Amino acid sequence: MSKEAFDWIIGEVRSRFEQAIANPGEMVGPIAAQSLGEPATQMTLNTFHNAGISSKNVTLGVPRLKEIINVAKNPKTPSMKIYLLPEYKQNEVVAQKFLSKIEHTTLSHVVKSSGIYYDPDPKKTLIREDEELVALYNDVPNFDAPDNNGDARTPPWLMRLVLDNEKINNKHLTMEMIERRVSDAFGD
């Protein structure tokens, strides 16, 4: 930024600040109340027109104004509009991928069911649903794992997560991404 451009910006800030200064004795309370009251009234009137429309399921009127002013931690109907570039605005796949990148996703969003099981010998599991998987796991050597020579004891408790494939695909997640997040949260 050049010196002239910087000086111009500083001048604009100073000019707008000086225009906003209230004179001593000026009634700023009623002006502020009118500035908030009129739009709030208009917002309330607009909600009556949308009363019978099911697609307009958003918080409007005074409750919405309270959410904004009080900076509500959990707004009732959070929403955001994002405008895609013209070359992507008709492409639903691109829009869905973009949504999956900015939408907050937790493990609970993609898990169908979960459970904690006690299995005293994980190498020869007692859980019928896991027999085939454990046999396959024991047949394939894990070259990434350090060689413990059987010293390390596997705990008898296990957590089973049944994932929803459709939700995983819709959010464009991979098993590696899920594994990394679980590993980051719970350790090895």
N, C-alpha and C. Protein backbone atom coordinates (compact mmCIF):
# COMPACT_ATOMS: atom_id res chain seq x y z
N MET A 1 0.86 -1.16 0.00
CA MET A 1 0.00 0.00 0.00
C MET A 1 0.91 1.24 0.00
N SER A 2 0.58 2.16 -0.84
CA SER A 2 1.41 3.37 -0.93
C SER A 2 1.08 4.31 0.24
N LYS A 3 1.93 5.29 0.45
CA LYS A 3 1.73 6.27 1.53
C LYS A 3 0.46 7.07 1.29
N GLU A 4 0.20 7.42 0.01
CA GLU A 4 -1.00 8.20 -0.31
C GLU A 4 -2.26 7.39 0.01
N ALA A 5 -2.26 6.10 -0.34
CA ALA A 5 -3.43 5.26 -0.07
C ALA A 5 -3.65 5.11 1.43
N PHE A 6 -2.56 4.92 2.17
CA PHE A 6 -2.67 4.80 3.63
C PHE A 6 -3.22 6.09 4.24
N ASP A 7 -2.70 7.21 3.80
CA ASP A 7 -3.18 8.51 4.31
C ASP A 7 -4.66 8.71 3.99
N TRP A 8 -5.10 8.27 2.79
CA TRP A 8 -6.51 8.39 2.41
C TRP A 8 -7.38 7.56 3.34
N ILE A 9 -6.95 6.32 3.65
CA ILE A 9 -7.73 5.45 4.54
C ILE A 9 -7.83 6.08 5.93
N ILE A 10 -6.71 6.58 6.44
CA ILE A 10 -6.72 7.22 7.76
C ILE A 10 -7.65 8.44 7.74
N GLY A 11 -7.64 9.19 6.66
CA GLY A 11 -8.54 10.34 6.52
C GLY A 11 -10.00 9.93 6.54
N GLU A 12 -10.33 8.84 5.84
CA GLU A 12 -11.71 8.33 5.83
C GLU A 12 -12.15 7.90 7.21
N VAL A 13 -11.27 7.20 7.92
CA VAL A 13 -11.61 6.75 9.28
C VAL A 13 -11.84 7.95 10.17
N ARG A 14 -10.95 8.95 10.09
CA ARG A 14 -11.08 10.16 10.92
C ARG A 14 -12.38 10.90 10.58
N SER A 15 -12.68 11.03 9.28
CA SER A 15 -13.88 11.76 8.85
C SER A 15 -15.15 11.07 9.37
N ARG A 16 -15.22 9.75 9.23
CA ARG A 16 -16.42 9.04 9.68
C ARG A 16 -16.54 9.06 11.20
N PHE A 17 -15.40 8.99 11.89
CA PHE A 17 -15.43 9.08 13.35
C PHE A 17 -15.98 10.44 13.78
N GLU A 18 -15.49 11.51 13.15
CA GLU A 18 -15.93 12.85 13.52
C GLU A 18 -17.40 13.06 13.23
N GLN A 19 -17.94 12.43 12.15
CA GLN A 19 -19.37 12.54 11.84
C GLN A 19 -20.21 11.80 12.87
N ALA A 20 -19.66 10.77 13.49
CA ALA A 20 -20.42 9.96 14.43
C ALA A 20 -20.40 10.50 15.85
N ILE A 21 -19.60 11.50 16.13
CA ILE A 21 -19.51 12.05 17.48
C ILE A 21 -20.82 12.75 17.83
N ALA A 22 -21.33 12.42 19.02
CA ALA A 22 -22.56 13.06 19.49
C ALA A 22 -22.19 14.31 20.28
N ASN A 23 -22.98 15.36 20.10
CA ASN A 23 -22.75 16.60 20.84
C ASN A 23 -23.19 16.42 22.28
N PRO A 24 -22.55 17.13 23.21
CA PRO A 24 -22.98 17.05 24.61
C PRO A 24 -24.45 17.44 24.74
N GLY A 25 -25.22 16.63 25.47
CA GLY A 25 -26.63 16.91 25.68
C GLY A 25 -27.53 16.34 24.60
N GLU A 26 -26.96 15.82 23.54
CA GLU A 26 -27.79 15.24 22.48
C GLU A 26 -28.42 13.94 22.99
N MET A 27 -29.68 13.73 22.64
CA MET A 27 -30.40 12.57 23.15
C MET A 27 -30.10 11.34 22.31
N VAL A 28 -29.06 10.64 22.69
CA VAL A 28 -28.64 9.47 21.90
C VAL A 28 -29.48 8.23 22.24
N GLY A 29 -30.06 8.17 23.43
CA GLY A 29 -30.88 7.02 23.82
C GLY A 29 -32.08 6.82 22.92
N PRO A 30 -32.92 7.87 22.74
CA PRO A 30 -34.08 7.71 21.85
C PRO A 30 -33.68 7.41 20.40
N ILE A 31 -32.56 8.00 19.95
CA ILE A 31 -32.12 7.73 18.57
C ILE A 31 -31.73 6.25 18.43
N ALA A 32 -31.00 5.73 19.44
CA ALA A 32 -30.60 4.32 19.41
C ALA A 32 -31.82 3.42 19.48
N ALA A 33 -32.79 3.78 20.34
CA ALA A 33 -34.00 2.96 20.47
C ALA A 33 -34.78 2.94 19.16
N GLN A 34 -34.88 4.11 18.50
CA GLN A 34 -35.58 4.16 17.21
C GLN A 34 -34.82 3.35 16.16
N SER A 35 -33.49 3.41 16.21
CA SER A 35 -32.69 2.70 15.22
C SER A 35 -32.86 1.19 15.35
N LEU A 36 -33.09 0.71 16.56
CA LEU A 36 -33.32 -0.72 16.76
C LEU A 36 -34.80 -1.08 16.67
N GLY A 37 -35.65 -0.20 17.18
CA GLY A 37 -37.08 -0.50 17.25
C GLY A 37 -37.75 -0.61 15.90
N GLU A 38 -37.42 0.28 14.98
CA GLU A 38 -38.08 0.27 13.67
C GLU A 38 -37.76 -0.99 12.88
N PRO A 39 -36.48 -1.39 12.75
CA PRO A 39 -36.22 -2.64 12.03
C PRO A 39 -36.81 -3.86 12.74
N ALA A 40 -36.82 -3.85 14.09
CA ALA A 40 -37.39 -4.98 14.82
C ALA A 40 -38.89 -5.10 14.53
N THR A 41 -39.56 -3.97 14.47
CA THR A 41 -40.99 -3.97 14.15
C THR A 41 -41.22 -4.51 12.75
N GLN A 42 -40.39 -4.07 11.82
CA GLN A 42 -40.52 -4.54 10.44
C GLN A 42 -40.24 -6.04 10.36
N MET A 43 -39.24 -6.52 11.11
CA MET A 43 -38.94 -7.95 11.12
C MET A 43 -40.11 -8.74 11.67
N THR A 44 -40.76 -8.21 12.72
CA THR A 44 -41.91 -8.89 13.31
C THR A 44 -43.06 -8.94 12.31
N LEU A 45 -43.29 -7.83 11.60
CA LEU A 45 -44.37 -7.81 10.61
C LEU A 45 -44.09 -8.81 9.49
N ASN A 46 -42.83 -8.94 9.09
CA ASN A 46 -42.50 -9.90 8.04
C ASN A 46 -42.75 -11.33 8.46
N THR A 47 -42.63 -11.63 9.76
CA THR A 47 -42.84 -13.01 10.20
C THR A 47 -44.30 -13.41 10.04
N PHE A 48 -45.21 -12.48 10.18
CA PHE A 48 -46.62 -12.82 10.03
C PHE A 48 -46.93 -13.24 8.60
N HIS A 49 -46.24 -12.64 7.63
CA HIS A 49 -46.48 -12.99 6.23
C HIS A 49 -45.97 -14.39 5.91
N ASN A 50 -44.99 -14.87 6.66
CA ASN A 50 -44.41 -16.18 6.41
C ASN A 50 -44.98 -17.26 7.31
N ALA A 51 -46.02 -16.97 8.05
CA ALA A 51 -46.54 -17.90 9.05
C ALA A 51 -46.99 -19.22 8.43
N GLY A 52 -47.58 -19.21 7.26
CA GLY A 52 -48.09 -20.44 6.68
C GLY A 52 -47.13 -21.13 5.72
N ILE A 53 -45.92 -20.63 5.60
CA ILE A 53 -44.97 -21.19 4.64
C ILE A 53 -44.02 -22.12 5.39
N SER A 54 -44.07 -23.42 5.06
CA SER A 54 -43.24 -24.38 5.79
C SER A 54 -41.77 -24.26 5.43
N SER A 55 -41.45 -23.78 4.24
CA SER A 55 -40.04 -23.68 3.84
C SER A 55 -39.32 -22.56 4.58
N LYS A 56 -40.06 -21.62 5.14
CA LYS A 56 -39.46 -20.52 5.89
C LYS A 56 -39.38 -20.91 7.36
N ASN A 57 -38.66 -21.97 7.68
CA ASN A 57 -38.55 -22.45 9.04
C ASN A 57 -37.31 -21.86 9.69
N VAL A 58 -37.30 -20.55 9.89
CA VAL A 58 -36.17 -19.87 10.48
C VAL A 58 -36.66 -18.94 11.58
N THR A 59 -35.78 -18.61 12.49
CA THR A 59 -36.11 -17.68 13.56
C THR A 59 -36.09 -16.27 12.99
N LEU A 60 -37.20 -15.56 13.13
CA LEU A 60 -37.30 -14.20 12.60
C LEU A 60 -37.81 -13.27 13.68
N GLY A 61 -37.88 -12.03 13.34
CA GLY A 61 -38.48 -11.04 14.22
C GLY A 61 -37.63 -10.74 15.43
N VAL A 62 -38.30 -10.40 16.53
CA VAL A 62 -37.62 -10.01 17.76
C VAL A 62 -36.75 -11.15 18.32
N PRO A 63 -37.22 -12.42 18.29
CA PRO A 63 -36.33 -13.48 18.79
C PRO A 63 -35.00 -13.56 18.03
N ARG A 64 -35.05 -13.35 16.72
CA ARG A 64 -33.81 -13.37 15.93
C ARG A 64 -32.94 -12.17 16.28
N LEU A 65 -33.54 -11.02 16.48
CA LEU A 65 -32.79 -9.82 16.86
C LEU A 65 -32.12 -10.04 18.21
N LYS A 66 -32.83 -10.70 19.15
CA LYS A 66 -32.22 -11.00 20.44
C LYS A 66 -31.04 -11.94 20.28
N GLU A 67 -31.16 -12.94 19.39
CA GLU A 67 -30.03 -13.85 19.14
C GLU A 67 -28.82 -13.08 18.64
N ILE A 68 -29.05 -12.15 17.73
CA ILE A 68 -27.94 -11.39 17.15
C ILE A 68 -27.31 -10.47 18.18
N ILE A 69 -28.14 -9.71 18.90
CA ILE A 69 -27.62 -8.74 19.87
C ILE A 69 -26.92 -9.44 21.03
N ASN A 70 -27.51 -10.53 21.53
CA ASN A 70 -26.92 -11.24 22.66
C ASN A 70 -25.85 -12.23 22.24
N VAL A 71 -25.56 -12.32 20.96
CA VAL A 71 -24.58 -13.26 20.40
C VAL A 71 -24.83 -14.64 20.99
N ALA A 72 -25.99 -15.20 20.64
CA ALA A 72 -26.40 -16.50 21.17
C ALA A 72 -25.38 -17.58 20.78
N LYS A 73 -25.02 -18.41 21.77
CA LYS A 73 -24.06 -19.49 21.51
C LYS A 73 -24.70 -20.59 20.68
N ASN A 74 -25.97 -20.82 20.87
CA ASN A 74 -26.68 -21.86 20.12
C ASN A 74 -27.91 -21.26 19.45
N PRO A 75 -27.74 -20.62 18.30
CA PRO A 75 -28.91 -20.06 17.62
C PRO A 75 -29.89 -21.17 17.24
N LYS A 76 -31.18 -20.85 17.29
CA LYS A 76 -32.20 -21.86 17.03
C LYS A 76 -32.15 -22.39 15.60
N THR A 77 -31.97 -21.52 14.64
CA THR A 77 -31.90 -21.96 13.24
C THR A 77 -30.70 -21.30 12.57
N PRO A 78 -29.50 -21.84 12.82
CA PRO A 78 -28.34 -21.24 12.18
C PRO A 78 -28.39 -21.46 10.67
N SER A 79 -27.96 -20.47 9.92
CA SER A 79 -27.94 -20.61 8.47
C SER A 79 -26.85 -19.72 7.89
N MET A 80 -26.46 -20.06 6.68
CA MET A 80 -25.42 -19.29 6.00
C MET A 80 -25.65 -19.44 4.50
N LYS A 81 -25.51 -18.36 3.79
CA LYS A 81 -25.59 -18.41 2.33
C LYS A 81 -24.19 -18.25 1.78
N ILE A 82 -23.82 -19.15 0.90
CA ILE A 82 -22.51 -19.08 0.24
C ILE A 82 -22.78 -19.12 -1.25
N TYR A 83 -22.24 -18.16 -1.95
CA TYR A 83 -22.44 -18.07 -3.38
C TYR A 83 -21.21 -18.64 -4.08
N LEU A 84 -21.45 -19.67 -4.89
CA LEU A 84 -20.36 -20.31 -5.62
C LEU A 84 -20.02 -19.50 -6.87
N LEU A 85 -18.84 -19.74 -7.37
CA LEU A 85 -18.43 -19.09 -8.62
C LEU A 85 -19.38 -19.52 -9.73
N PRO A 86 -19.59 -18.67 -10.73
CA PRO A 86 -20.56 -18.98 -11.79
C PRO A 86 -20.35 -20.34 -12.46
N GLU A 87 -19.09 -20.75 -12.63
CA GLU A 87 -18.86 -22.04 -13.31
C GLU A 87 -19.23 -23.24 -12.44
N TYR A 88 -19.42 -23.02 -11.13
CA TYR A 88 -19.77 -24.14 -10.24
C TYR A 88 -21.19 -24.08 -9.71
N LYS A 89 -21.90 -22.99 -9.93
CA LYS A 89 -23.18 -22.81 -9.26
C LYS A 89 -24.26 -23.79 -9.71
N GLN A 90 -24.12 -24.41 -10.87
CA GLN A 90 -25.10 -25.40 -11.32
C GLN A 90 -24.66 -26.83 -11.05
N ASN A 91 -23.47 -27.02 -10.48
CA ASN A 91 -22.92 -28.35 -10.26
C ASN A 91 -23.17 -28.80 -8.83
N GLU A 92 -24.11 -29.72 -8.64
CA GLU A 92 -24.51 -30.17 -7.31
C GLU A 92 -23.38 -30.94 -6.61
N VAL A 93 -22.59 -31.69 -7.38
CA VAL A 93 -21.50 -32.47 -6.80
C VAL A 93 -20.46 -31.55 -6.17
N VAL A 94 -20.10 -30.48 -6.88
CA VAL A 94 -19.13 -29.52 -6.37
C VAL A 94 -19.69 -28.82 -5.13
N ALA A 95 -20.96 -28.44 -5.18
CA ALA A 95 -21.58 -27.78 -4.03
C ALA A 95 -21.59 -28.71 -2.82
N GLN A 96 -21.88 -30.00 -3.03
CA GLN A 96 -21.89 -30.97 -1.94
C GLN A 96 -20.49 -31.16 -1.36
N LYS A 97 -19.47 -31.19 -2.22
CA LYS A 97 -18.09 -31.32 -1.74
C LYS A 97 -17.69 -30.09 -0.92
N PHE A 98 -18.08 -28.93 -1.39
CA PHE A 98 -17.77 -27.69 -0.66
C PHE A 98 -18.46 -27.69 0.70
N LEU A 99 -19.72 -28.10 0.71
CA LEU A 99 -20.47 -28.18 1.96
C LEU A 99 -19.78 -29.12 2.94
N SER A 100 -19.33 -30.27 2.45
CA SER A 100 -18.70 -31.24 3.35
C SER A 100 -17.39 -30.70 3.92
N LYS A 101 -16.73 -29.77 3.21
CA LYS A 101 -15.47 -29.23 3.72
C LYS A 101 -15.69 -28.18 4.80
N ILE A 102 -16.79 -27.43 4.74
CA ILE A 102 -16.99 -26.37 5.72
C ILE A 102 -17.94 -26.76 6.85
N GLU A 103 -18.70 -27.82 6.67
CA GLU A 103 -19.65 -28.23 7.70
C GLU A 103 -18.91 -28.97 8.81
N HIS A 104 -19.20 -28.61 10.05
CA HIS A 104 -18.59 -29.27 11.20
C HIS A 104 -19.16 -30.67 11.32
N THR A 105 -18.28 -31.67 11.28
CA THR A 105 -18.71 -33.06 11.35
C THR A 105 -18.01 -33.74 12.52
N THR A 106 -18.79 -34.42 13.33
CA THR A 106 -18.21 -35.21 14.42
C THR A 106 -18.45 -36.68 14.12
N LEU A 107 -17.82 -37.53 14.91
CA LEU A 107 -17.98 -38.96 14.72
C LEU A 107 -19.44 -39.38 14.88
N SER A 108 -20.16 -38.71 15.76
CA SER A 108 -21.57 -39.07 15.98
C SER A 108 -22.42 -38.82 14.74
N HIS A 109 -21.96 -37.95 13.83
CA HIS A 109 -22.72 -37.69 12.61
C HIS A 109 -22.68 -38.87 11.65
N VAL A 110 -21.65 -39.70 11.71
CA VAL A 110 -21.49 -40.78 10.74
C VAL A 110 -21.56 -42.17 11.35
N VAL A 111 -21.83 -42.27 12.66
CA VAL A 111 -21.92 -43.56 13.33
C VAL A 111 -23.37 -43.99 13.42
N LYS A 112 -23.65 -45.22 12.92
CA LYS A 112 -25.00 -45.77 13.05
C LYS A 112 -25.24 -46.26 14.47
N SER A 113 -24.27 -47.02 14.99
CA SER A 113 -24.39 -47.54 16.35
C SER A 113 -23.00 -47.73 16.93
N SER A 114 -22.95 -47.82 18.24
CA SER A 114 -21.67 -48.04 18.92
C SER A 114 -21.91 -48.91 20.13
N GLY A 115 -20.85 -49.56 20.57
CA GLY A 115 -20.96 -50.40 21.75
C GLY A 115 -19.59 -50.69 22.32
N ILE A 116 -19.56 -51.02 23.60
CA ILE A 116 -18.32 -51.40 24.27
C ILE A 116 -18.49 -52.85 24.70
N TYR A 117 -17.51 -53.69 24.35
CA TYR A 117 -17.57 -55.12 24.58
C TYR A 117 -16.36 -55.57 25.39
N TYR A 118 -16.58 -56.61 26.19
CA TYR A 118 -15.49 -57.24 26.93
C TYR A 118 -15.13 -58.52 26.20
N ASP A 119 -13.88 -58.63 25.80
CA ASP A 119 -13.40 -59.81 25.07
C ASP A 119 -12.05 -60.18 25.67
N PRO A 120 -12.01 -61.18 26.57
CA PRO A 120 -10.78 -61.47 27.30
C PRO A 120 -9.61 -61.90 26.42
N ASP A 121 -9.88 -62.49 25.27
CA ASP A 121 -8.78 -62.90 24.38
C ASP A 121 -9.05 -62.35 22.98
N PRO A 122 -8.58 -61.13 22.70
CA PRO A 122 -8.87 -60.51 21.41
C PRO A 122 -8.31 -61.28 20.21
N LYS A 123 -7.28 -62.14 20.42
CA LYS A 123 -6.73 -62.90 19.29
C LYS A 123 -7.66 -64.04 18.87
N LYS A 124 -8.46 -64.52 19.81
CA LYS A 124 -9.48 -65.55 19.52
C LYS A 124 -10.78 -65.01 20.09
N THR A 125 -11.37 -64.08 19.40
CA THR A 125 -12.51 -63.33 19.91
C THR A 125 -13.70 -64.21 20.28
N LEU A 126 -14.43 -63.78 21.29
CA LEU A 126 -15.68 -64.44 21.68
C LEU A 126 -16.88 -63.81 20.98
N ILE A 127 -16.65 -62.69 20.33
CA ILE A 127 -17.74 -61.97 19.68
C ILE A 127 -17.92 -62.54 18.27
N ARG A 128 -19.07 -63.15 18.05
CA ARG A 128 -19.33 -63.88 16.80
C ARG A 128 -19.17 -62.98 15.57
N GLU A 129 -19.65 -61.73 15.64
CA GLU A 129 -19.60 -60.85 14.47
C GLU A 129 -18.16 -60.49 14.09
N ASP A 130 -17.23 -60.62 15.04
CA ASP A 130 -15.85 -60.22 14.79
C ASP A 130 -14.94 -61.38 14.40
N GLU A 131 -15.41 -62.62 14.44
CA GLU A 131 -14.54 -63.78 14.21
C GLU A 131 -13.82 -63.70 12.87
N GLU A 132 -14.55 -63.42 11.80
CA GLU A 132 -13.94 -63.37 10.47
C GLU A 132 -12.93 -62.22 10.36
N LEU A 133 -13.27 -61.07 10.89
CA LEU A 133 -12.39 -59.90 10.84
C LEU A 133 -11.11 -60.14 11.65
N VAL A 134 -11.25 -60.73 12.85
CA VAL A 134 -10.08 -61.00 13.69
C VAL A 134 -9.17 -62.04 13.04
N ALA A 135 -9.76 -63.06 12.42
CA ALA A 135 -8.95 -64.07 11.73
C ALA A 135 -8.17 -63.42 10.59
N LEU A 136 -8.81 -62.55 9.84
CA LEU A 136 -8.13 -61.85 8.74
C LEU A 136 -7.04 -60.94 9.28
N TYR A 137 -7.33 -60.25 10.37
CA TYR A 137 -6.36 -59.34 10.98
C TYR A 137 -5.12 -60.10 11.46
N ASN A 138 -5.33 -61.28 12.04
CA ASN A 138 -4.21 -62.08 12.54
C ASN A 138 -3.41 -62.72 11.41
N ASP A 139 -4.04 -62.96 10.25
CA ASP A 139 -3.35 -63.57 9.10
C ASP A 139 -2.44 -62.58 8.38
N VAL A 140 -2.83 -61.30 8.38
CA VAL A 140 -2.07 -60.29 7.64
C VAL A 140 -1.10 -59.61 8.60
N PRO A 141 0.21 -59.69 8.33
CA PRO A 141 1.16 -59.04 9.24
C PRO A 141 1.07 -57.52 9.12
N ASN A 142 1.28 -56.85 10.26
CA ASN A 142 1.25 -55.39 10.29
C ASN A 142 2.70 -54.91 10.33
N PHE A 143 3.20 -54.46 9.19
CA PHE A 143 4.60 -54.04 9.10
C PHE A 143 4.83 -52.67 9.74
N ASP A 144 3.77 -51.91 9.94
CA ASP A 144 3.91 -50.59 10.55
C ASP A 144 4.05 -50.66 12.07
N ALA A 145 3.55 -51.74 12.67
CA ALA A 145 3.58 -51.84 14.13
C ALA A 145 4.96 -52.26 14.60
N PRO A 146 5.41 -51.72 15.73
CA PRO A 146 6.71 -52.14 16.26
C PRO A 146 6.64 -53.59 16.70
N ASP A 147 7.75 -54.29 16.60
CA ASP A 147 7.80 -55.70 16.96
C ASP A 147 7.91 -55.83 18.47
N ASN A 148 6.82 -56.28 19.11
CA ASN A 148 6.79 -56.40 20.56
C ASN A 148 7.11 -57.82 21.03
N ASN A 149 7.25 -58.76 20.11
CA ASN A 149 7.52 -60.16 20.44
C ASN A 149 6.52 -60.72 21.45
N GLY A 150 5.31 -60.29 21.37
CA GLY A 150 4.26 -60.81 22.23
C GLY A 150 4.26 -60.23 23.63
N ASP A 151 5.10 -59.25 23.91
CA ASP A 151 5.16 -58.68 25.25
C ASP A 151 3.97 -57.76 25.53
N ALA A 152 3.55 -57.05 24.52
CA ALA A 152 2.46 -56.09 24.73
C ALA A 152 1.15 -56.84 24.88
N ARG A 153 0.38 -56.45 25.88
CA ARG A 153 -0.91 -57.08 26.13
C ARG A 153 -2.00 -56.20 25.55
N THR A 154 -2.86 -56.79 24.77
CA THR A 154 -3.98 -56.05 24.21
C THR A 154 -5.07 -56.01 25.28
N PRO A 155 -5.61 -54.82 25.56
CA PRO A 155 -6.65 -54.74 26.59
C PRO A 155 -7.89 -55.54 26.17
N PRO A 156 -8.63 -56.08 27.16
CA PRO A 156 -9.79 -56.91 26.83
C PRO A 156 -11.03 -56.13 26.43
N TRP A 157 -11.00 -54.81 26.56
CA TRP A 157 -12.17 -54.00 26.22
C TRP A 157 -12.02 -53.49 24.80
N LEU A 158 -13.10 -53.52 24.05
CA LEU A 158 -13.05 -52.95 22.71
C LEU A 158 -14.31 -52.15 22.44
N MET A 159 -14.13 -51.17 21.59
CA MET A 159 -15.25 -50.31 21.21
C MET A 159 -15.57 -50.60 19.75
N ARG A 160 -16.83 -50.86 19.49
CA ARG A 160 -17.26 -51.14 18.12
C ARG A 160 -18.10 -49.97 17.62
N LEU A 161 -17.70 -49.44 16.46
CA LEU A 161 -18.45 -48.37 15.81
C LEU A 161 -18.95 -48.90 14.48
N VAL A 162 -20.25 -48.85 14.26
CA VAL A 162 -20.82 -49.22 12.97
C VAL A 162 -21.08 -47.91 12.24
N LEU A 163 -20.38 -47.72 11.13
CA LEU A 163 -20.45 -46.45 10.40
C LEU A 163 -21.54 -46.51 9.33
N ASP A 164 -22.11 -45.37 9.04
CA ASP A 164 -23.14 -45.23 8.01
C ASP A 164 -22.45 -44.86 6.70
N ASN A 165 -22.38 -45.82 5.78
CA ASN A 165 -21.66 -45.60 4.51
C ASN A 165 -22.23 -44.44 3.71
N GLU A 166 -23.54 -44.29 3.71
CA GLU A 166 -24.16 -43.21 2.94
C GLU A 166 -23.73 -41.84 3.47
N LYS A 167 -23.73 -41.69 4.79
CA LYS A 167 -23.32 -40.41 5.37
C LYS A 167 -21.84 -40.16 5.14
N ILE A 168 -21.03 -41.20 5.22
CA ILE A 168 -19.59 -41.05 4.97
C ILE A 168 -19.37 -40.60 3.53
N ASN A 169 -20.08 -41.20 2.60
CA ASN A 169 -19.94 -40.80 1.19
C ASN A 169 -20.45 -39.40 0.95
N ASN A 170 -21.57 -39.04 1.57
CA ASN A 170 -22.11 -37.68 1.40
C ASN A 170 -21.16 -36.61 1.93
N LYS A 171 -20.43 -36.94 2.98
CA LYS A 171 -19.50 -35.98 3.57
C LYS A 171 -18.10 -36.11 2.99
N HIS A 172 -17.94 -37.00 2.01
CA HIS A 172 -16.66 -37.20 1.31
C HIS A 172 -15.53 -37.50 2.29
N LEU A 173 -15.82 -38.41 3.23
CA LEU A 173 -14.82 -38.83 4.21
C LEU A 173 -14.17 -40.13 3.74
N THR A 174 -12.97 -40.38 4.22
CA THR A 174 -12.30 -41.65 3.96
C THR A 174 -12.04 -42.32 5.30
N MET A 175 -11.80 -43.62 5.27
CA MET A 175 -11.52 -44.34 6.50
C MET A 175 -10.23 -43.82 7.14
N GLU A 176 -9.28 -43.40 6.32
CA GLU A 176 -8.03 -42.86 6.85
C GLU A 176 -8.29 -41.58 7.64
N MET A 177 -9.19 -40.73 7.14
CA MET A 177 -9.53 -39.49 7.84
C MET A 177 -10.17 -39.80 9.19
N ILE A 178 -11.09 -40.75 9.21
CA ILE A 178 -11.78 -41.12 10.44
C ILE A 178 -10.78 -41.74 11.42
N GLU A 179 -9.92 -42.63 10.92
CA GLU A 179 -8.92 -43.27 11.77
C GLU A 179 -7.98 -42.23 12.39
N ARG A 180 -7.56 -41.27 11.59
CA ARG A 180 -6.65 -40.23 12.08
C ARG A 180 -7.31 -39.41 13.19
N ARG A 181 -8.58 -39.05 13.01
CA ARG A 181 -9.28 -38.26 14.03
C ARG A 181 -9.47 -39.05 15.32
N VAL A 182 -9.84 -40.33 15.20
CA VAL A 182 -10.01 -41.15 16.39
C VAL A 182 -8.67 -41.32 17.09
N SER A 183 -7.62 -41.55 16.32
CA SER A 183 -6.28 -41.70 16.89
C SER A 183 -5.83 -40.42 17.57
N ASP A 184 -6.11 -39.27 16.96
CA ASP A 184 -5.75 -37.98 17.58
C ASP A 184 -6.47 -37.77 18.90
N ALA A 185 -7.73 -38.19 18.94
CA ALA A 185 -8.54 -37.96 20.15
C ALA A 185 -8.22 -38.95 21.26
N PHE A 186 -7.97 -40.21 20.91
CA PHE A 186 -7.85 -41.25 21.94
C PHE A 186 -6.44 -41.82 22.06
N GLY A 187 -5.54 -41.43 21.21
CA GLY A 187 -4.19 -41.99 21.28
C GLY A 187 -4.09 -43.29 20.52
N ASP A 188 -3.05 -44.04 20.81
CA ASP A 188 -2.77 -45.26 20.04
C ASP A 188 -3.76 -46.34 20.38
